[in-house]
């Protein structure tokens, strides 16, 4: 009932989006330009598909969006979207993503835990999900790539932000204007992914072996 009275919810629905969170992604993109035309985006925890819709619009027909979730997502009538049902902690899921995605420019995640009302527990679970998303980014992003994740504000969110500072040239905390005032959620943005030195060495080795 609350959602139906929510202005952001009504606006998202009027624009054809499946969730009010689509407006948040549009606001983040408008400020930080995280979705580039013709590139590949991985959307983690994609269901019901609001973020996937926005990402697919922004990358355009020359780009693609790999939507991943452990639960089913109703198909989208968008040719540049591929859905993978799978657990992002399962290496088989990561391999399927790599096979389809190729070079990945952006990894985005709007994952959130089912809240219990116990603040410390909810914040801890949110931090675990954001950490999982960052691990996918580490495994799939090309050098210079972009990472975006939702997280509840906490000591753990600051720890994750400090980790990101070591791995991205630019980092920022951000609360989109459409975020509910009472919400503890925020978004962490990383741009300019620095591939770990040992992985860079492996890539150089493979290149030198190529005919």
Protein backbone atom coordinates (compact mmCIF):
# COMPACT_ATOMS: atom_id res chain seq x y z
CA UNK A 1 0.00 0.00 0.00
CA UNK A 2 2.84 2.40 0.87
CA UNK A 3 4.44 1.87 -2.52
CA UNK A 4 1.29 2.90 -4.36
CA UNK A 5 1.34 6.22 -2.48
CA UNK A 6 5.06 6.70 -3.16
CA UNK A 7 5.76 9.35 -5.81
CA UNK A 8 8.95 7.65 -7.02
CA UNK A 9 7.09 4.35 -7.38
CA UNK A 10 4.34 5.98 -9.43
CA UNK A 11 6.88 7.80 -11.59
CA UNK A 12 8.82 4.60 -12.28
CA UNK A 13 5.65 2.75 -13.23
CA UNK A 14 4.52 5.60 -15.49
CA UNK A 15 7.84 5.31 -17.37
CA UNK A 16 7.37 1.57 -17.82
CA UNK A 17 9.91 0.40 -15.26
CA UNK A 18 9.36 -2.63 -13.08
CA UNK A 19 10.65 -1.06 -9.86
CA UNK A 20 11.16 2.36 -8.28
CA UNK A 21 14.87 1.51 -8.02
CA UNK A 22 15.12 2.20 -11.76
CA UNK A 23 14.88 5.92 -10.97
CA UNK A 24 17.80 5.62 -8.55
CA UNK A 25 19.98 4.06 -11.23
CA UNK A 26 19.03 6.80 -13.69
CA UNK A 27 19.96 9.43 -11.10
CA UNK A 28 23.28 7.71 -10.37
CA UNK A 29 24.05 7.43 -14.08
CA UNK A 30 23.15 11.06 -14.75
CA UNK A 31 25.70 12.13 -12.14
CA UNK A 32 28.49 9.58 -12.66
CA UNK A 33 28.01 8.23 -16.22
CA UNK A 34 28.46 4.61 -15.28
CA UNK A 35 26.61 3.06 -18.25
CA UNK A 36 28.32 3.63 -21.59
CA UNK A 37 26.83 3.13 -25.03
CA UNK A 38 27.97 -0.02 -26.79
CA UNK A 39 29.46 -1.66 -23.69
CA UNK A 40 28.67 -4.74 -21.61
CA UNK A 41 27.10 -4.50 -18.16
CA UNK A 42 26.57 -7.21 -15.54
CA UNK A 43 23.50 -6.56 -13.37
CA UNK A 44 23.72 -8.67 -10.20
CA UNK A 45 20.55 -9.48 -8.30
CA UNK A 46 18.62 -8.23 -11.29
CA UNK A 47 15.07 -9.41 -10.55
CA UNK A 48 12.48 -7.92 -11.04
CA UNK A 49 14.42 -6.09 -13.76
CA UNK A 50 14.18 -2.35 -13.16
CA UNK A 51 17.94 -1.80 -13.24
CA UNK A 52 18.27 -4.14 -16.21
CA UNK A 53 15.78 -2.02 -18.15
CA UNK A 54 17.72 1.18 -17.49
CA UNK A 55 21.09 -0.43 -18.25
CA UNK A 56 19.79 -1.88 -21.53
CA UNK A 57 18.50 1.54 -22.59
CA UNK A 58 21.80 3.24 -21.79
CA UNK A 59 24.12 0.74 -23.51
CA UNK A 60 21.83 0.65 -26.53
CA UNK A 61 21.54 -1.98 -29.28
CA UNK A 62 25.33 -2.12 -29.68
CA UNK A 63 25.81 -3.10 -26.05
CA UNK A 64 24.53 -5.90 -23.86
CA UNK A 65 23.34 -6.50 -20.33
CA UNK A 66 23.88 -9.79 -18.51
CA UNK A 67 21.21 -9.94 -15.80
CA UNK A 68 22.00 -12.43 -13.04
CA UNK A 69 19.85 -13.59 -10.13
CA UNK A 70 19.36 -16.69 -8.01
CA UNK A 71 15.60 -16.34 -8.56
CA UNK A 72 13.68 -16.21 -11.83
CA UNK A 73 13.08 -12.92 -13.62
CA UNK A 74 10.18 -12.36 -15.99
CA UNK A 75 11.65 -12.00 -19.49
CA UNK A 76 12.19 -8.51 -20.86
CA UNK A 77 11.35 -7.67 -24.46
CA UNK A 78 14.83 -6.22 -25.01
CA UNK A 79 17.18 -7.91 -27.49
CA UNK A 80 20.36 -6.77 -25.73
CA UNK A 81 19.47 -8.50 -22.43
CA UNK A 82 20.50 -12.04 -21.43
CA UNK A 83 19.31 -13.53 -18.15
CA UNK A 84 21.34 -16.07 -16.17
CA UNK A 85 19.72 -17.84 -13.23
CA UNK A 86 22.48 -18.71 -10.83
CA UNK A 87 24.34 -18.05 -7.60
CA UNK A 88 27.15 -15.51 -8.08
CA UNK A 89 29.20 -17.38 -5.48
CA UNK A 90 29.18 -20.46 -7.71
CA UNK A 91 32.16 -20.51 -10.08
CA UNK A 92 29.97 -22.16 -12.74
CA UNK A 93 27.82 -19.02 -12.75
CA UNK A 94 30.91 -16.83 -13.14
CA UNK A 95 32.07 -18.98 -16.06
CA UNK A 96 28.67 -18.65 -17.76
CA UNK A 97 28.86 -14.88 -17.31
CA UNK A 98 32.34 -14.75 -18.82
CA UNK A 99 31.31 -16.90 -21.79
CA UNK A 100 28.42 -14.59 -22.67
CA UNK A 101 29.80 -11.23 -21.60
CA UNK A 102 33.28 -11.02 -23.08
CA UNK A 103 34.81 -7.68 -22.08
CA UNK A 104 32.85 -6.17 -19.17
CA UNK A 105 32.83 -2.40 -18.63
CA UNK A 106 30.40 -2.11 -15.69
CA UNK A 107 29.23 -4.33 -12.84
CA UNK A 108 26.19 -3.04 -10.98
CA UNK A 109 24.30 -4.47 -8.01
CA UNK A 110 21.12 -3.40 -6.25
CA UNK A 111 21.05 -6.49 -4.02
CA UNK A 112 19.56 -6.06 -0.57
CA UNK A 113 18.83 -8.55 2.22
CA UNK A 114 15.37 -9.36 3.47
CA UNK A 115 15.27 -7.07 6.47
CA UNK A 116 14.60 -8.42 9.95
CA UNK A 117 14.26 -5.14 11.81
CA UNK A 118 17.46 -5.94 13.72
CA UNK A 119 19.73 -3.13 12.53
CA UNK A 120 23.11 -4.76 13.09
CA UNK A 121 22.01 -7.99 11.44
CA UNK A 122 20.50 -6.25 8.42
CA UNK A 123 23.55 -4.05 7.93
CA UNK A 124 25.88 -7.02 8.22
CA UNK A 125 23.90 -8.97 5.62
CA UNK A 126 23.89 -5.98 3.29
CA UNK A 127 27.67 -5.70 3.58
CA UNK A 128 28.04 -9.40 2.73
CA UNK A 129 25.97 -8.97 -0.44
CA UNK A 130 27.95 -5.88 -1.49
CA UNK A 131 31.20 -7.77 -0.87
CA UNK A 132 29.93 -10.60 -3.06
CA UNK A 133 29.17 -8.10 -5.83
CA UNK A 134 32.65 -6.62 -5.54
CA UNK A 135 34.14 -10.10 -5.88
CA UNK A 136 32.24 -10.57 -9.15
CA UNK A 137 33.62 -7.23 -10.33
CA UNK A 138 37.15 -8.36 -9.50
CA UNK A 139 36.65 -11.52 -11.54
CA UNK A 140 35.01 -9.95 -14.59
CA UNK A 141 35.78 -6.23 -14.99
CA UNK A 142 38.23 -5.04 -17.59
CA UNK A 143 40.94 -2.59 -16.45
CA UNK A 144 39.40 0.87 -16.15
CA UNK A 145 35.96 -0.64 -15.50
CA UNK A 146 33.16 0.63 -13.28
CA UNK A 147 31.52 -0.85 -10.18
CA UNK A 148 28.32 0.19 -8.41
CA UNK A 149 26.71 -1.46 -5.40
CA UNK A 150 24.01 -0.76 -2.86
CA UNK A 151 24.90 -1.13 0.81
CA UNK A 152 23.43 -0.14 4.17
CA UNK A 153 25.45 2.48 6.03
CA UNK A 154 27.55 0.84 8.73
CA UNK A 155 31.10 0.23 9.90
CA UNK A 156 31.19 -2.62 7.37
CA UNK A 157 30.22 -0.29 4.53
CA UNK A 158 33.18 1.93 5.39
CA UNK A 159 35.49 -1.09 5.38
CA UNK A 160 34.25 -2.06 1.92
CA UNK A 161 34.66 1.52 0.72
CA UNK A 162 38.29 1.48 1.88
CA UNK A 163 38.83 -1.76 -0.04
CA UNK A 164 37.42 -0.13 -3.16
CA UNK A 165 39.78 2.82 -2.76
CA UNK A 166 42.67 0.39 -3.23
CA UNK A 167 41.17 -1.04 -6.41
CA UNK A 168 39.62 1.93 -8.21
CA UNK A 169 41.08 5.24 -9.30
CA UNK A 170 37.91 7.10 -8.26
CA UNK A 171 35.46 6.20 -5.48
CA UNK A 172 32.37 7.91 -4.14
CA UNK A 173 29.51 7.36 -1.71
CA UNK A 174 26.14 8.56 -3.00
CA UNK A 175 22.48 8.71 -1.97
CA UNK A 176 20.20 9.29 -4.99
CA UNK A 177 17.54 11.97 -4.49
CA UNK A 178 14.74 9.38 -4.78
CA UNK A 179 16.05 7.43 -1.75
CA UNK A 180 13.50 7.44 1.06
CA UNK A 181 14.56 9.77 3.87
CA UNK A 182 14.35 7.08 6.54
CA UNK A 183 16.40 4.61 4.50
CA UNK A 184 19.92 3.63 5.61
CA UNK A 185 20.89 2.56 2.10
CA UNK A 186 23.51 4.27 -0.01
CA UNK A 187 25.56 3.42 -3.07
CA UNK A 188 29.29 2.96 -3.50
CA UNK A 189 30.74 3.85 -6.89
CA UNK A 190 34.16 2.86 -8.19
CA UNK A 191 35.58 3.98 -11.54
CA UNK A 192 38.92 3.11 -13.12
CA UNK A 193 39.34 -0.49 -11.96
CA UNK A 194 42.93 -1.45 -11.30
CA UNK A 195 43.51 -5.10 -12.20
CA UNK A 196 45.49 -6.83 -9.42
CA UNK A 197 49.18 -7.06 -10.30
CA UNK A 198 49.27 -10.88 -10.30
CA UNK A 199 46.29 -11.05 -12.68
CA UNK A 200 47.84 -8.42 -14.94
CA UNK A 201 50.94 -10.61 -15.10
CA UNK A 202 48.86 -13.60 -16.14
CA UNK A 203 47.15 -11.58 -18.86
CA UNK A 204 50.50 -10.36 -20.21
CA UNK A 205 51.77 -13.94 -20.23
CA UNK A 206 48.78 -15.15 -22.24
CA UNK A 207 49.24 -12.31 -24.72
CA UNK A 208 52.91 -13.15 -25.19
CA UNK A 209 51.98 -16.76 -25.94
CA UNK A 210 49.46 -15.80 -28.59
CA UNK A 211 50.57 -16.50 -32.18
